Amino acid sequence: QVQLVESGGDSVQPGGSLNLSCTVSGFTLDPRGGYCLNWFRQRPGIEREGIAGIVADGRASYADSVKGRFTISEDKVKNTFHLRLNNLKPTDSGMYYCVLVESSDVRLIRGTCDDAESGHWGQGTQVTVSS
């Protein structure tokens, strides 16, 4: 059974940084495999959105709203992936979810993996940015 568990959410001041992590079990992050790793967020009053994704060959993609401030990375040894959030703004506040899409032919466009809604989701970690 595939499970994803997020960690690292916290309350920070504007301009601050956070590191979110997603631990994957039941599935091996193997460069020979086919998958797409995604971070989504749900902000109050806004539709849930994909913000950063990375595929098995290391290619990454970001939503315009976070490009240049957030960085997605993967640790195949520890079977985890991460999201570094820099220069945080109050509008970044929300629940952040990690997602794994198992597919050998998955597209990654502007921070969203194709068919992410049908993937494996974590329970979410809260990020709050306020002064």
Protein backbone atom coordinates (compact mmCIF):
# COMPACT_ATOMS: atom_id res chain seq x y z
CA GLN A 1 0.00 0.00 0.00
CA VAL A 2 1.41 3.35 -1.04
CA GLN A 3 1.46 6.00 1.68
CA LEU A 4 2.71 9.57 1.69
CA VAL A 5 3.33 11.57 4.84
CA GLU A 6 4.12 15.29 4.80
CA SER A 7 6.07 17.18 7.44
CA GLY A 8 7.64 20.59 7.92
CA GLY A 9 4.63 22.89 7.93
CA ASP A 10 4.87 25.76 10.39
CA SER A 11 4.01 29.39 11.07
CA VAL A 12 6.53 31.90 9.76
CA GLN A 13 6.80 35.61 9.14
CA PRO A 14 6.67 37.12 5.64
CA GLY A 15 9.99 36.70 3.90
CA GLY A 16 10.74 33.55 5.84
CA SER A 17 11.52 30.06 4.56
CA LEU A 18 10.35 26.52 5.17
CA ASN A 19 11.32 23.04 4.08
CA LEU A 20 8.47 20.61 3.50
CA SER A 21 9.16 16.90 3.22
CA CYS A 22 7.15 13.97 1.91
CA THR A 23 8.09 10.46 2.94
CA VAL A 24 6.97 7.78 0.51
CA SER A 25 6.36 4.16 1.52
CA GLY A 26 5.10 1.25 -0.53
CA PHE A 27 6.66 2.64 -3.72
CA THR A 28 10.32 3.01 -4.68
CA LEU A 29 11.53 6.22 -6.28
CA ASP A 30 13.68 4.63 -8.96
CA PRO A 31 15.10 6.62 -11.90
CA ARG A 32 14.22 3.68 -14.15
CA GLY A 33 10.60 3.91 -13.07
CA GLY A 34 7.74 6.07 -14.20
CA TYR A 35 6.27 8.56 -11.81
CA CYS A 36 5.56 12.18 -11.16
CA LEU A 37 5.91 13.79 -7.74
CA ASN A 38 3.75 16.80 -7.06
CA TRP A 39 3.07 19.42 -4.41
CA PHE A 40 -0.39 20.91 -4.28
CA ARG A 41 -1.78 23.55 -2.00
CA GLN A 42 -5.22 24.54 -0.84
CA ARG A 43 -5.56 28.17 0.13
CA PRO A 44 -8.66 29.63 1.79
CA GLY A 45 -11.26 30.48 -0.84
CA ILE A 46 -9.06 29.31 -3.72
CA GLU A 47 -9.28 26.12 -5.75
CA ARG A 48 -6.63 23.55 -4.94
CA GLU A 49 -3.65 24.02 -7.25
CA GLY A 50 -0.55 22.16 -8.30
CA ILE A 51 2.51 24.28 -7.64
CA ALA A 52 5.60 22.14 -8.19
CA GLY A 53 6.33 18.80 -9.77
CA ILE A 54 9.26 16.61 -10.67
CA VAL A 55 9.47 13.48 -12.79
CA ALA A 56 11.78 10.48 -12.57
CA ASP A 57 14.39 11.93 -14.92
CA GLY A 58 14.74 15.00 -12.69
CA ARG A 59 12.87 17.49 -14.82
CA ALA A 60 10.94 19.96 -12.67
CA SER A 61 8.13 22.39 -13.36
CA TYR A 62 6.49 25.18 -11.34
CA ALA A 63 3.34 27.23 -11.29
CA ASP A 64 3.92 30.89 -12.10
CA SER A 65 2.82 31.87 -8.60
CA VAL A 66 5.82 30.14 -6.99
CA LYS A 67 8.45 30.09 -9.73
CA GLY A 68 11.74 31.48 -8.48
CA ARG A 69 10.73 31.14 -4.82
CA PHE A 70 9.97 27.43 -4.36
CA THR A 71 12.19 24.48 -5.27
CA ILE A 72 11.18 20.85 -5.51
CA SER A 73 13.76 18.12 -5.03
CA GLU A 74 13.90 14.37 -4.63
CA ASP A 75 16.03 12.06 -2.52
CA LYS A 76 15.89 8.59 -4.06
CA VAL A 77 18.11 7.12 -1.33
CA LYS A 78 15.72 8.18 1.44
CA ASN A 79 12.63 7.74 -0.77
CA THR A 80 11.50 11.25 0.01
CA PHE A 81 10.87 14.47 -1.82
CA HIS A 82 10.90 18.02 -0.63
CA LEU A 83 9.69 21.52 -1.27
CA ARG A 84 11.83 24.46 -0.28
CA LEU A 85 9.76 27.60 0.21
CA ASN A 86 11.62 30.90 0.16
CA ASN A 87 10.48 34.50 0.44
CA LEU A 88 7.12 33.42 1.79
CA LYS A 89 4.13 35.72 1.50
CA PRO A 90 0.88 35.76 3.47
CA THR A 91 -0.84 34.57 0.27
CA ASP A 92 1.20 31.36 0.46
CA SER A 93 -0.69 30.33 3.59
CA GLY A 94 -2.63 27.10 3.21
CA MET A 95 -2.55 23.34 3.41
CA TYR A 96 0.21 21.72 1.38
CA TYR A 97 -0.15 18.19 0.02
CA CYS A 98 2.33 15.84 -1.60
CA VAL A 99 1.17 13.58 -4.40
CA LEU A 100 2.63 10.59 -6.22
CA VAL A 101 1.38 9.69 -9.68
CA GLU A 102 2.45 6.28 -10.92
CA SER A 103 2.81 6.38 -14.68
CA SER A 104 5.44 5.64 -17.28
CA ASP A 105 4.02 8.32 -19.55
CA VAL A 106 3.03 11.22 -17.34
CA ARG A 107 3.07 14.84 -18.40
CA LEU A 108 4.19 17.61 -16.09
CA ILE A 109 2.88 21.03 -17.01
CA ARG A 110 3.24 24.24 -15.00
CA GLY A 111 3.72 22.46 -11.72
CA THR A 112 0.98 19.87 -12.13
CA CYS A 113 1.33 16.19 -12.96
CA ASP A 114 -1.27 14.80 -15.34
CA ASP A 115 -3.90 12.74 -13.53
CA ALA A 116 -2.72 13.98 -10.13
CA GLU A 117 -6.26 13.75 -8.77
CA SER A 118 -6.09 9.98 -9.22
CA GLY A 119 -2.68 9.67 -7.56
CA HIS A 120 -1.66 8.90 -4.01
CA TRP A 121 -2.08 11.84 -1.65
CA GLY A 122 -0.72 12.68 1.75
CA GLN A 123 -2.82 14.16 4.54
CA GLY A 124 -1.35 17.64 4.23
CA THR A 125 0.77 19.99 6.31
CA GLN A 126 -0.24 23.52 7.24
CA VAL A 127 1.81 26.57 6.25
CA THR A 128 0.90 29.89 7.82
CA VAL A 129 2.62 33.12 6.86
CA SER A 130 1.77 36.14 8.98
CA SER A 131 3.40 38.93 10.92
